[in-house]
């Protein structure tokens, strides 16, 4: 190998050795992580969308039945980004640090269920209640199933829809201390018509 080429390879290898590791899932959050989450929460809509895209899986439309359109997770870092994004303009990084440093973090799972021409059944029968989402069974599994601390849902209203709503969003809250940041997290959804939908998030690749 020529001396110049050998020297170039040496520089690249040295750079790899001293390069800081890529940010990963962190809990509890450090002051530095909270500030990074703060500035992401205050960033442009496009930058926030790019960040959250990694936390959301869009699922294929089934041939029939209800449509589990997407499933997302929110790590402690992502939860801070979300909270800051909803704060007023005069909310500052120092306040975020006071609000989140040393406080219990969160881990959430969200999903959207959309009605389709085949769900509910188009031929008469009992009208679908607005809390129809309660008939969907949702599980979070790592090495074993982790139970949710709470499950909340709300319909997606549309005045032009036959039922007044077109679907629902569901939020599940988990004890963050029970989440293993190094293990994949699989979310499974069992629908009332017998479908089984699942997707897996590699938490080690998320903040």
N, C-alpha and C. Protein backbone atom coordinates (compact mmCIF):
# COMPACT_ATOMS: atom_id res chain seq x y z
N UNK A 1 0.86 -1.20 0.00
CA UNK A 1 0.00 0.00 0.00
C UNK A 1 0.88 1.24 0.00
N UNK A 2 0.57 2.21 -0.85
CA UNK A 2 1.34 3.43 -0.93
C UNK A 2 1.23 4.22 0.36
N UNK A 3 2.32 4.96 0.72
CA UNK A 3 2.30 5.72 1.98
C UNK A 3 1.13 6.68 2.10
N UNK A 4 0.78 7.40 1.02
CA UNK A 4 -0.32 8.38 1.09
C UNK A 4 -1.65 7.69 1.36
N UNK A 5 -1.88 6.54 0.69
CA UNK A 5 -3.13 5.82 0.87
C UNK A 5 -3.20 5.27 2.29
N UNK A 6 -2.04 4.73 2.77
CA UNK A 6 -2.00 4.18 4.12
C UNK A 6 -2.28 5.28 5.15
N UNK A 7 -1.74 6.46 4.90
CA UNK A 7 -1.96 7.59 5.82
C UNK A 7 -3.44 8.00 5.83
N UNK A 8 -4.10 7.98 4.65
CA UNK A 8 -5.51 8.35 4.57
C UNK A 8 -6.38 7.36 5.35
N UNK A 9 -6.06 6.07 5.18
CA UNK A 9 -6.82 5.06 5.92
C UNK A 9 -6.61 5.23 7.43
N UNK A 10 -5.40 5.60 7.81
CA UNK A 10 -5.10 5.80 9.22
C UNK A 10 -5.93 6.94 9.81
N UNK A 11 -6.08 8.03 9.03
CA UNK A 11 -6.87 9.17 9.48
C UNK A 11 -8.34 8.79 9.65
N UNK A 12 -8.89 8.02 8.68
CA UNK A 12 -10.29 7.61 8.75
C UNK A 12 -10.52 6.72 9.97
N UNK A 13 -9.60 5.76 10.20
CA UNK A 13 -9.75 4.85 11.33
C UNK A 13 -9.67 5.61 12.64
N UNK A 14 -8.77 6.59 12.73
CA UNK A 14 -8.64 7.39 13.95
C UNK A 14 -9.90 8.19 14.21
N UNK A 15 -10.51 8.72 13.13
CA UNK A 15 -11.72 9.51 13.28
C UNK A 15 -12.87 8.65 13.80
N UNK A 16 -12.91 7.41 13.31
CA UNK A 16 -13.96 6.50 13.79
C UNK A 16 -13.80 6.19 15.26
N UNK A 17 -12.55 6.10 15.72
CA UNK A 17 -12.30 5.77 17.12
C UNK A 17 -12.69 6.90 18.05
N UNK A 18 -12.50 8.14 17.63
CA UNK A 18 -12.77 9.27 18.52
C UNK A 18 -14.15 9.88 18.29
N UNK A 19 -14.88 9.42 17.26
CA UNK A 19 -16.21 9.96 17.00
C UNK A 19 -17.14 9.60 18.14
N UNK A 20 -17.98 10.54 18.60
CA UNK A 20 -18.90 10.24 19.68
C UNK A 20 -19.95 9.24 19.24
N UNK A 21 -20.38 8.36 20.15
CA UNK A 21 -21.40 7.38 19.79
C UNK A 21 -22.71 8.05 19.41
N UNK A 22 -23.47 7.40 18.54
CA UNK A 22 -24.76 7.96 18.13
C UNK A 22 -25.70 8.00 19.34
N UNK A 23 -26.51 9.06 19.49
CA UNK A 23 -27.44 9.14 20.60
C UNK A 23 -28.38 7.94 20.61
N UNK A 24 -28.69 7.43 21.79
CA UNK A 24 -29.56 6.26 21.91
C UNK A 24 -30.58 6.50 23.01
N UNK A 25 -31.49 5.56 23.15
CA UNK A 25 -32.52 5.59 24.18
C UNK A 25 -31.86 5.86 25.54
N UNK A 26 -32.39 6.82 26.26
CA UNK A 26 -31.79 7.21 27.54
C UNK A 26 -32.88 7.41 28.58
N UNK A 27 -32.68 6.81 29.76
CA UNK A 27 -33.56 7.03 30.90
C UNK A 27 -32.83 6.65 32.17
N UNK A 28 -32.83 7.52 33.18
CA UNK A 28 -33.47 8.84 33.17
C UNK A 28 -32.72 9.82 32.27
N UNK A 29 -33.41 10.86 31.87
CA UNK A 29 -32.83 11.83 30.94
C UNK A 29 -31.84 12.75 31.66
N UNK A 30 -30.71 12.99 31.03
CA UNK A 30 -29.73 13.93 31.54
C UNK A 30 -30.13 15.36 31.18
N UNK A 31 -29.45 16.33 31.78
CA UNK A 31 -29.70 17.73 31.43
C UNK A 31 -29.44 17.97 29.94
N UNK A 32 -28.37 17.37 29.42
CA UNK A 32 -28.04 17.54 28.00
C UNK A 32 -29.15 16.99 27.12
N UNK A 33 -29.67 15.80 27.45
CA UNK A 33 -30.73 15.19 26.65
C UNK A 33 -32.00 16.04 26.69
N UNK A 34 -32.33 16.59 27.85
CA UNK A 34 -33.53 17.43 27.98
C UNK A 34 -33.40 18.67 27.11
N UNK A 35 -32.22 19.26 27.11
CA UNK A 35 -32.01 20.45 26.27
C UNK A 35 -32.09 20.10 24.79
N UNK A 36 -31.54 18.95 24.42
CA UNK A 36 -31.64 18.53 23.02
C UNK A 36 -33.10 18.30 22.63
N UNK A 37 -33.86 17.68 23.54
CA UNK A 37 -35.28 17.47 23.28
C UNK A 37 -36.02 18.79 23.19
N UNK A 38 -35.62 19.74 24.03
CA UNK A 38 -36.25 21.07 24.00
C UNK A 38 -36.08 21.72 22.62
N UNK A 39 -34.86 21.73 22.12
CA UNK A 39 -34.62 22.40 20.85
C UNK A 39 -35.28 21.66 19.68
N UNK A 40 -35.44 20.35 19.80
CA UNK A 40 -36.20 19.63 18.78
C UNK A 40 -37.68 20.02 18.85
N UNK A 41 -38.20 20.15 20.08
CA UNK A 41 -39.60 20.54 20.25
C UNK A 41 -39.88 21.92 19.72
N UNK A 42 -38.86 22.79 19.73
CA UNK A 42 -39.02 24.16 19.24
C UNK A 42 -38.60 24.30 17.78
N UNK A 43 -38.19 23.21 17.16
CA UNK A 43 -37.73 23.27 15.77
C UNK A 43 -38.90 23.41 14.81
N UNK A 44 -38.58 23.50 13.54
CA UNK A 44 -39.61 23.64 12.51
C UNK A 44 -40.48 22.39 12.45
N UNK A 45 -41.65 22.55 11.88
CA UNK A 45 -42.58 21.42 11.76
C UNK A 45 -41.96 20.29 10.95
N UNK A 46 -41.22 20.63 9.92
CA UNK A 46 -40.62 19.59 9.07
C UNK A 46 -39.55 18.81 9.82
N UNK A 47 -38.79 19.50 10.66
CA UNK A 47 -37.74 18.81 11.42
C UNK A 47 -38.36 17.90 12.47
N UNK A 48 -39.44 18.35 13.11
CA UNK A 48 -40.12 17.50 14.08
C UNK A 48 -40.74 16.29 13.39
N UNK A 49 -41.33 16.51 12.22
CA UNK A 49 -41.92 15.40 11.48
C UNK A 49 -40.86 14.37 11.10
N UNK A 50 -39.70 14.84 10.71
CA UNK A 50 -38.59 13.93 10.37
C UNK A 50 -38.17 13.12 11.59
N UNK A 51 -38.11 13.78 12.75
CA UNK A 51 -37.74 13.09 13.98
C UNK A 51 -38.77 12.02 14.34
N UNK A 52 -40.05 12.37 14.33
CA UNK A 52 -41.09 11.44 14.78
C UNK A 52 -41.37 10.33 13.77
N UNK A 53 -40.93 10.50 12.53
CA UNK A 53 -41.17 9.46 11.53
C UNK A 53 -40.56 8.13 11.95
N UNK A 54 -39.42 8.17 12.63
CA UNK A 54 -38.76 6.94 13.07
C UNK A 54 -39.56 6.25 14.18
N UNK A 55 -40.45 6.98 14.82
CA UNK A 55 -41.21 6.45 15.94
C UNK A 55 -42.60 5.97 15.51
N UNK A 56 -42.87 6.02 14.21
CA UNK A 56 -44.19 5.67 13.70
C UNK A 56 -44.07 4.65 12.57
N UNK A 57 -44.87 3.59 12.66
CA UNK A 57 -44.93 2.59 11.59
C UNK A 57 -46.30 2.66 10.94
N UNK A 58 -46.32 2.88 9.63
CA UNK A 58 -47.56 2.91 8.86
C UNK A 58 -47.83 1.50 8.32
N UNK A 59 -49.04 1.02 8.49
CA UNK A 59 -49.36 -0.37 8.20
C UNK A 59 -50.21 -0.50 6.94
N UNK A 60 -50.15 -1.65 6.29
CA UNK A 60 -50.91 -1.83 5.04
C UNK A 60 -52.41 -1.95 5.29
N UNK A 61 -53.18 -1.54 4.31
CA UNK A 61 -54.64 -1.62 4.38
C UNK A 61 -55.09 -3.07 4.21
N UNK A 62 -55.93 -3.57 5.12
CA UNK A 62 -56.40 -4.96 4.98
C UNK A 62 -57.42 -5.09 3.85
N UNK A 63 -57.68 -6.31 3.43
CA UNK A 63 -58.67 -6.54 2.37
C UNK A 63 -60.08 -6.21 2.87
N UNK A 64 -60.32 -6.40 4.16
CA UNK A 64 -61.62 -6.08 4.74
C UNK A 64 -61.44 -5.85 6.23
N UNK A 65 -62.47 -5.29 6.85
CA UNK A 65 -62.43 -5.06 8.28
C UNK A 65 -61.81 -3.72 8.64
N UNK A 66 -61.64 -3.45 9.93
CA UNK A 66 -61.09 -2.17 10.38
C UNK A 66 -59.63 -2.05 9.98
N UNK A 67 -59.18 -0.81 9.84
CA UNK A 67 -57.81 -0.53 9.37
C UNK A 67 -56.99 0.05 10.52
N UNK A 68 -56.02 -0.72 10.99
CA UNK A 68 -55.04 -0.19 11.95
C UNK A 68 -54.02 0.58 11.11
N UNK A 69 -54.22 1.88 11.01
CA UNK A 69 -53.48 2.70 10.04
C UNK A 69 -52.02 2.90 10.43
N UNK A 70 -51.77 3.19 11.70
CA UNK A 70 -50.39 3.38 12.15
C UNK A 70 -50.28 3.10 13.65
N UNK A 71 -49.07 2.77 14.06
CA UNK A 71 -48.74 2.54 15.46
C UNK A 71 -47.46 3.31 15.74
N UNK A 72 -47.42 4.00 16.87
CA UNK A 72 -46.22 4.75 17.22
C UNK A 72 -45.86 4.51 18.68
N UNK A 73 -44.59 4.76 19.00
CA UNK A 73 -44.13 4.72 20.38
C UNK A 73 -43.54 6.08 20.73
N UNK A 74 -43.58 6.41 22.01
CA UNK A 74 -42.95 7.64 22.50
C UNK A 74 -42.07 7.27 23.67
N UNK A 75 -40.77 7.39 23.49
CA UNK A 75 -39.79 7.14 24.53
C UNK A 75 -39.76 8.34 25.48
N UNK A 76 -39.03 8.26 26.61
CA UNK A 76 -38.94 9.44 27.49
C UNK A 76 -38.44 10.69 26.75
N UNK A 77 -37.45 10.51 25.86
CA UNK A 77 -36.93 11.65 25.09
C UNK A 77 -38.02 12.22 24.18
N UNK A 78 -38.71 11.33 23.45
CA UNK A 78 -39.75 11.78 22.53
C UNK A 78 -40.90 12.43 23.28
N UNK A 79 -41.20 11.96 24.49
CA UNK A 79 -42.26 12.57 25.29
C UNK A 79 -41.94 14.03 25.61
N UNK A 80 -40.68 14.31 25.91
CA UNK A 80 -40.27 15.69 26.19
C UNK A 80 -40.40 16.54 24.93
N UNK A 81 -40.00 16.00 23.80
CA UNK A 81 -40.14 16.74 22.53
C UNK A 81 -41.60 17.10 22.30
N UNK A 82 -42.50 16.14 22.53
CA UNK A 82 -43.93 16.38 22.34
C UNK A 82 -44.44 17.46 23.28
N UNK A 83 -44.06 17.37 24.55
CA UNK A 83 -44.53 18.33 25.54
C UNK A 83 -44.04 19.74 25.21
N UNK A 84 -42.77 19.86 24.86
CA UNK A 84 -42.21 21.17 24.54
C UNK A 84 -42.89 21.76 23.31
N UNK A 85 -43.21 20.92 22.32
CA UNK A 85 -43.85 21.40 21.09
C UNK A 85 -45.20 22.04 21.38
N UNK A 86 -45.84 21.64 22.48
CA UNK A 86 -47.15 22.19 22.83
C UNK A 86 -47.06 23.41 23.75
N UNK A 87 -45.85 23.74 24.20
CA UNK A 87 -45.67 24.85 25.11
C UNK A 87 -45.70 26.20 24.37
N UNK A 88 -46.01 27.29 25.08
CA UNK A 88 -46.01 28.61 24.44
C UNK A 88 -44.61 29.05 24.02
N UNK A 89 -44.55 30.09 23.20
CA UNK A 89 -43.27 30.55 22.67
C UNK A 89 -42.31 31.00 23.76
N UNK A 90 -42.85 31.50 24.88
CA UNK A 90 -41.99 32.01 25.95
C UNK A 90 -41.61 30.92 26.96
N UNK A 91 -41.62 29.69 26.52
CA UNK A 91 -41.17 28.56 27.35
C UNK A 91 -39.71 28.29 26.98
N UNK A 92 -38.82 28.33 27.96
CA UNK A 92 -37.39 28.31 27.68
C UNK A 92 -36.73 27.00 28.14
N UNK A 93 -35.50 26.79 27.65
CA UNK A 93 -34.78 25.55 27.93
C UNK A 93 -34.56 25.35 29.42
N UNK A 94 -34.30 26.42 30.15
CA UNK A 94 -34.09 26.31 31.59
C UNK A 94 -35.35 25.79 32.29
N UNK A 95 -36.51 26.22 31.81
CA UNK A 95 -37.77 25.75 32.38
C UNK A 95 -37.98 24.26 32.08
N UNK A 96 -37.62 23.86 30.87
CA UNK A 96 -37.75 22.45 30.50
C UNK A 96 -36.88 21.59 31.39
N UNK A 97 -35.67 22.06 31.66
CA UNK A 97 -34.77 21.30 32.52
C UNK A 97 -35.36 21.16 33.93
N UNK A 98 -35.94 22.22 34.43
CA UNK A 98 -36.58 22.17 35.75
C UNK A 98 -37.79 21.23 35.75
N UNK A 99 -38.54 21.23 34.65
CA UNK A 99 -39.76 20.43 34.58
C UNK A 99 -39.50 18.93 34.43
N UNK A 100 -38.38 18.56 33.78
CA UNK A 100 -38.19 17.15 33.43
C UNK A 100 -37.02 16.47 34.11
N UNK A 101 -36.04 17.22 34.58
CA UNK A 101 -34.86 16.60 35.19
C UNK A 101 -35.24 15.92 36.50
N UNK A 102 -34.93 14.63 36.59
CA UNK A 102 -35.21 13.89 37.82
C UNK A 102 -36.66 13.52 38.02
N UNK A 103 -37.51 13.81 37.03
CA UNK A 103 -38.94 13.51 37.14
C UNK A 103 -39.24 12.17 36.45
N UNK A 104 -40.35 11.53 36.83
CA UNK A 104 -40.71 10.26 36.16
C UNK A 104 -40.89 10.49 34.66
N UNK A 105 -40.29 9.63 33.87
CA UNK A 105 -40.44 9.74 32.43
C UNK A 105 -41.69 9.01 31.97
N UNK A 106 -41.90 8.98 30.67
CA UNK A 106 -43.09 8.31 30.15
C UNK A 106 -42.69 7.40 29.00
N UNK A 107 -43.53 6.40 28.78
CA UNK A 107 -43.43 5.57 27.58
C UNK A 107 -44.85 5.32 27.12
N UNK A 108 -45.15 5.78 25.89
CA UNK A 108 -46.51 5.67 25.36
C UNK A 108 -46.53 4.86 24.08
N UNK A 109 -47.65 4.23 23.84
CA UNK A 109 -47.96 3.62 22.54
C UNK A 109 -49.24 4.27 22.04
N UNK A 110 -49.23 4.70 20.79
CA UNK A 110 -50.43 5.29 20.18
C UNK A 110 -50.74 4.52 18.90
N UNK A 111 -52.01 4.50 18.55
CA UNK A 111 -52.39 3.93 17.27
C UNK A 111 -53.69 4.55 16.78
N UNK A 112 -53.89 4.45 15.49
CA UNK A 112 -55.13 4.95 14.88
C UNK A 112 -55.84 3.79 14.20
N UNK A 113 -57.15 3.71 14.44
CA UNK A 113 -57.99 2.72 13.81
C UNK A 113 -58.99 3.47 12.93
N UNK A 114 -59.04 3.13 11.66
CA UNK A 114 -59.96 3.78 10.73
C UNK A 114 -61.08 2.83 10.34
N UNK A 115 -62.29 3.37 10.24
CA UNK A 115 -63.41 2.60 9.73
C UNK A 115 -63.24 2.42 8.22
N UNK A 116 -63.83 1.38 7.68
CA UNK A 116 -63.73 1.09 6.25
C UNK A 116 -65.12 0.75 5.73
N UNK A 117 -65.30 0.60 4.41
CA UNK A 117 -66.61 0.22 3.87
C UNK A 117 -67.11 -1.13 4.40
N UNK A 118 -66.18 -1.97 4.90
CA UNK A 118 -66.59 -3.28 5.42
C UNK A 118 -66.58 -3.34 6.95
N UNK A 119 -66.29 -2.23 7.60
CA UNK A 119 -66.32 -2.19 9.06
C UNK A 119 -66.75 -0.80 9.52
N UNK A 120 -67.89 -0.67 10.19
CA UNK A 120 -68.76 -1.78 10.61
C UNK A 120 -69.53 -2.37 9.43
N UNK A 121 -70.23 -3.45 9.68
CA UNK A 121 -70.99 -4.10 8.62
C UNK A 121 -71.97 -3.10 8.00
N UNK A 122 -71.96 -2.96 6.68
CA UNK A 122 -72.82 -1.96 6.04
C UNK A 122 -74.31 -2.28 6.07
N UNK A 123 -74.66 -3.53 6.42
CA UNK A 123 -76.07 -3.94 6.35
C UNK A 123 -76.73 -3.90 7.72
N UNK A 124 -77.27 -2.78 8.09
CA UNK A 124 -78.07 -2.67 9.31
C UNK A 124 -77.31 -3.08 10.55
N UNK A 125 -78.05 -3.73 11.49
CA UNK A 125 -77.43 -4.14 12.74
C UNK A 125 -77.34 -3.00 13.72
N UNK A 126 -76.74 -3.28 14.87
CA UNK A 126 -76.59 -2.27 15.91
C UNK A 126 -75.57 -1.22 15.49
N UNK A 127 -75.89 0.04 15.71
CA UNK A 127 -74.96 1.11 15.35
C UNK A 127 -73.68 0.99 16.16
N UNK A 128 -72.57 1.30 15.53
CA UNK A 128 -71.27 1.21 16.20
C UNK A 128 -71.15 2.34 17.22
N UNK A 129 -70.86 2.05 18.49
CA UNK A 129 -70.71 3.11 19.48
C UNK A 129 -69.40 3.86 19.28
N UNK A 130 -69.33 5.08 19.82
CA UNK A 130 -68.12 5.89 19.64
C UNK A 130 -66.93 5.31 20.41
N UNK A 131 -67.19 4.45 21.38
CA UNK A 131 -66.09 3.81 22.10
C UNK A 131 -65.83 2.40 21.56
N UNK A 132 -66.06 2.21 20.26
CA UNK A 132 -65.85 0.91 19.62
C UNK A 132 -64.42 0.42 19.79
N UNK A 133 -63.49 1.35 20.00
CA UNK A 133 -62.07 1.02 20.13
C UNK A 133 -61.79 0.09 21.31
N UNK A 134 -62.73 0.04 22.27
CA UNK A 134 -62.54 -0.83 23.43
C UNK A 134 -62.55 -2.31 23.06
N UNK A 135 -63.07 -2.63 21.88
CA UNK A 135 -63.12 -4.03 21.43
C UNK A 135 -61.81 -4.49 20.81
N UNK A 136 -60.84 -3.59 20.70
CA UNK A 136 -59.54 -3.94 20.14
C UNK A 136 -58.58 -4.26 21.29
N UNK A 137 -57.93 -5.41 21.22
CA UNK A 137 -57.01 -5.84 22.26
C UNK A 137 -55.58 -5.51 21.84
N UNK A 138 -54.90 -4.74 22.67
CA UNK A 138 -53.56 -4.24 22.32
C UNK A 138 -52.56 -4.76 23.35
N UNK A 139 -51.44 -5.29 22.86
CA UNK A 139 -50.43 -5.87 23.74
C UNK A 139 -49.06 -5.29 23.38
N UNK A 140 -48.26 -5.02 24.40
CA UNK A 140 -46.86 -4.63 24.23
C UNK A 140 -46.02 -5.76 24.80
N UNK A 141 -45.16 -6.31 23.97
CA UNK A 141 -44.32 -7.42 24.42
C UNK A 141 -42.85 -7.11 24.18
N UNK A 142 -42.05 -7.46 25.16
CA UNK A 142 -40.60 -7.54 24.98
C UNK A 142 -40.25 -9.00 25.22
N UNK A 143 -39.62 -9.31 26.35
CA UNK A 143 -39.43 -10.75 26.65
C UNK A 143 -40.74 -11.36 27.11
N UNK A 144 -41.59 -10.54 27.69
CA UNK A 144 -42.92 -10.95 28.12
C UNK A 144 -43.85 -9.77 27.90
N UNK A 145 -45.13 -9.97 28.10
CA UNK A 145 -46.07 -8.86 27.93
C UNK A 145 -45.93 -7.87 29.07
N UNK A 146 -45.98 -6.58 28.72
CA UNK A 146 -45.92 -5.51 29.71
C UNK A 146 -47.30 -4.87 29.76
N UNK A 147 -47.99 -4.93 30.90
CA UNK A 147 -49.35 -4.37 30.96
C UNK A 147 -49.33 -2.85 30.94
N UNK A 148 -50.34 -2.27 30.31
CA UNK A 148 -50.48 -0.81 30.29
C UNK A 148 -51.02 -0.33 31.62
N UNK A 149 -50.56 0.85 32.06
CA UNK A 149 -51.11 1.44 33.28
C UNK A 149 -52.46 2.06 33.01
N UNK A 150 -52.66 2.55 31.80
CA UNK A 150 -53.95 3.13 31.43
C UNK A 150 -54.12 3.07 29.93
N UNK A 151 -55.38 3.02 29.50
CA UNK A 151 -55.72 3.01 28.08
C UNK A 151 -56.82 4.04 27.86
N UNK A 152 -56.58 4.97 26.95
CA UNK A 152 -57.57 5.99 26.64
C UNK A 152 -57.79 6.04 25.13
N UNK A 153 -59.02 6.30 24.73
CA UNK A 153 -59.33 6.41 23.32
C UNK A 153 -60.30 7.53 23.06
N UNK A 154 -60.30 8.00 21.84
CA UNK A 154 -61.28 9.02 21.46
C UNK A 154 -61.59 8.89 19.97
N UNK A 155 -62.84 9.07 19.61
CA UNK A 155 -63.20 8.96 18.20
C UNK A 155 -62.64 10.11 17.37
N UNK A 156 -62.45 9.85 16.09
CA UNK A 156 -62.05 10.90 15.15
C UNK A 156 -63.33 11.35 14.46
N UNK A 157 -63.80 12.52 14.84
CA UNK A 157 -65.11 12.98 14.35
C UNK A 157 -65.01 13.60 12.97
N UNK A 158 -66.07 13.37 12.20
CA UNK A 158 -66.21 13.97 10.88
C UNK A 158 -67.71 14.12 10.62
N UNK A 159 -68.16 15.35 10.51
CA UNK A 159 -69.60 15.59 10.39
C UNK A 159 -70.20 15.00 9.11
N UNK A 160 -69.34 14.69 8.13
CA UNK A 160 -69.83 14.13 6.87
C UNK A 160 -69.87 12.60 6.90
N UNK A 161 -69.34 11.99 7.98
CA UNK A 161 -69.33 10.53 8.07
C UNK A 161 -70.70 10.02 8.50
N UNK A 162 -71.02 8.81 8.07
CA UNK A 162 -72.32 8.22 8.37
C UNK A 162 -72.57 8.13 9.87
N UNK A 163 -71.54 7.76 10.63
CA UNK A 163 -71.68 7.60 12.08
C UNK A 163 -71.28 8.86 12.84
N UNK A 164 -70.82 9.87 12.11
CA UNK A 164 -70.32 11.07 12.78
C UNK A 164 -68.85 10.99 13.11
N UNK A 165 -68.26 9.80 12.99
CA UNK A 165 -66.83 9.64 13.22
C UNK A 165 -66.28 8.64 12.20
N UNK A 166 -64.98 8.74 11.96
CA UNK A 166 -64.34 7.91 10.93
C UNK A 166 -63.34 6.91 11.51
N UNK A 167 -63.16 6.94 12.80
CA UNK A 167 -62.19 6.05 13.42
C UNK A 167 -61.92 6.48 14.85
N UNK A 168 -60.77 6.09 15.36
CA UNK A 168 -60.42 6.44 16.74
C UNK A 168 -58.91 6.40 16.90
N UNK A 169 -58.42 7.17 17.86
CA UNK A 169 -57.03 7.07 18.27
C UNK A 169 -57.00 6.51 19.69
N UNK A 170 -55.99 5.72 19.98
CA UNK A 170 -55.86 5.08 21.28
C UNK A 170 -54.48 5.40 21.84
N UNK A 171 -54.43 5.73 23.12
CA UNK A 171 -53.17 6.03 23.82
C UNK A 171 -53.03 5.08 24.99
N UNK A 172 -51.91 4.36 25.03
CA UNK A 172 -51.61 3.47 26.14
C UNK A 172 -50.38 3.99 26.88
N UNK A 173 -50.48 4.07 28.19
CA UNK A 173 -49.39 4.58 29.02
C UNK A 173 -48.77 3.42 29.78
N UNK A 174 -47.42 3.38 29.80
CA UNK A 174 -46.69 2.29 30.46
C UNK A 174 -45.73 2.84 31.50
N UNK A 175 -45.42 2.01 32.47
CA UNK A 175 -44.40 2.34 33.46
C UNK A 175 -43.05 2.25 32.77
N UNK A 176 -42.39 3.39 32.61
CA UNK A 176 -41.14 3.43 31.84
C UNK A 176 -40.07 2.55 32.47
N UNK A 177 -40.15 2.31 33.77
CA UNK A 177 -39.15 1.48 34.44
C UNK A 177 -39.24 0.02 34.03
N UNK A 178 -40.37 -0.38 33.46
CA UNK A 178 -40.54 -1.76 33.04
C UNK A 178 -40.13 -1.98 31.58
N UNK A 179 -39.75 -0.90 30.91
CA UNK A 179 -39.35 -1.01 29.50
C UNK A 179 -37.85 -1.24 29.42
N UNK A 180 -37.45 -2.26 28.69
CA UNK A 180 -36.03 -2.54 28.47
C UNK A 180 -35.58 -1.80 27.22
N UNK A 181 -34.73 -0.76 27.36
CA UNK A 181 -34.34 0.03 26.20
C UNK A 181 -33.47 -0.73 25.21
N UNK A 182 -32.91 -1.87 25.62
CA UNK A 182 -32.04 -2.62 24.72
C UNK A 182 -32.78 -3.73 23.99
N UNK A 183 -34.05 -3.94 24.31
CA UNK A 183 -34.80 -5.04 23.70
C UNK A 183 -35.83 -4.50 22.72
N UNK A 184 -36.08 -5.19 21.61
CA UNK A 184 -37.14 -4.78 20.68
C UNK A 184 -38.49 -4.78 21.39
N UNK A 185 -39.37 -3.89 20.98
CA UNK A 185 -40.72 -3.80 21.54
C UNK A 185 -41.72 -4.10 20.43
N UNK A 186 -42.51 -5.14 20.63
CA UNK A 186 -43.51 -5.54 19.63
C UNK A 186 -44.89 -5.15 20.12
N UNK A 187 -45.62 -4.42 19.29
CA UNK A 187 -47.00 -4.05 19.61
C UNK A 187 -47.92 -4.90 18.75
N UNK A 188 -48.86 -5.58 19.39
CA UNK A 188 -49.81 -6.45 18.70
C UNK A 188 -51.22 -5.91 18.91
N UNK A 189 -52.02 -5.99 17.85
CA UNK A 189 -53.41 -5.56 17.91
C UNK A 189 -54.28 -6.69 17.39
N UNK A 190 -55.24 -7.12 18.21
CA UNK A 190 -56.22 -8.11 17.80
C UNK A 190 -57.55 -7.40 17.61
N UNK A 191 -58.09 -7.47 16.40
CA UNK A 191 -59.31 -6.75 16.07
C UNK A 191 -60.55 -7.61 16.32
N UNK A 192 -61.72 -6.98 16.45
CA UNK A 192 -62.95 -7.76 16.72
C UNK A 192 -63.29 -8.77 15.64
N UNK A 193 -62.81 -8.55 14.40
CA UNK A 193 -63.15 -9.48 13.32
C UNK A 193 -62.07 -10.55 13.12
N UNK A 194 -61.14 -10.66 14.08
CA UNK A 194 -60.17 -11.76 14.03
C UNK A 194 -58.84 -11.45 13.38
N UNK A 195 -58.60 -10.21 12.99
CA UNK A 195 -57.29 -9.87 12.42
C UNK A 195 -56.26 -9.79 13.54
N UNK A 196 -55.02 -10.08 13.19
CA UNK A 196 -53.90 -9.90 14.11
C UNK A 196 -52.87 -9.02 13.41
N UNK A 197 -52.62 -7.86 13.97
CA UNK A 197 -51.69 -6.89 13.38
C UNK A 197 -50.56 -6.68 14.37
N UNK A 198 -49.33 -6.66 13.89
CA UNK A 198 -48.23 -6.39 14.80
C UNK A 198 -47.09 -5.68 14.09
N UNK A 199 -46.30 -4.96 14.86
CA UNK A 199 -45.11 -4.30 14.35
C UNK A 199 -44.10 -4.21 15.48
N UNK A 200 -42.81 -4.17 15.13
CA UNK A 200 -41.74 -4.18 16.13
C UNK A 200 -40.86 -2.95 15.97
N UNK A 201 -40.58 -2.30 17.11
CA UNK A 201 -39.69 -1.15 17.15
C UNK A 201 -38.36 -1.56 17.80
N UNK A 202 -37.28 -1.18 17.18
CA UNK A 202 -35.95 -1.42 17.75
C UNK A 202 -35.63 -0.23 18.64
N UNK A 203 -35.91 -0.36 19.94
CA UNK A 203 -35.73 0.77 20.85
C UNK A 203 -34.29 1.24 20.94
N UNK A 204 -33.35 0.33 20.70
CA UNK A 204 -31.94 0.69 20.78
C UNK A 204 -31.56 1.71 19.71
N UNK A 205 -32.40 1.86 18.67
CA UNK A 205 -32.09 2.82 17.60
C UNK A 205 -32.89 4.11 17.75
N UNK A 206 -33.63 4.24 18.85
CA UNK A 206 -34.41 5.46 19.10
C UNK A 206 -33.80 6.23 20.26
N UNK A 207 -34.11 7.52 20.32
CA UNK A 207 -33.64 8.33 21.45
C UNK A 207 -34.47 8.04 22.66
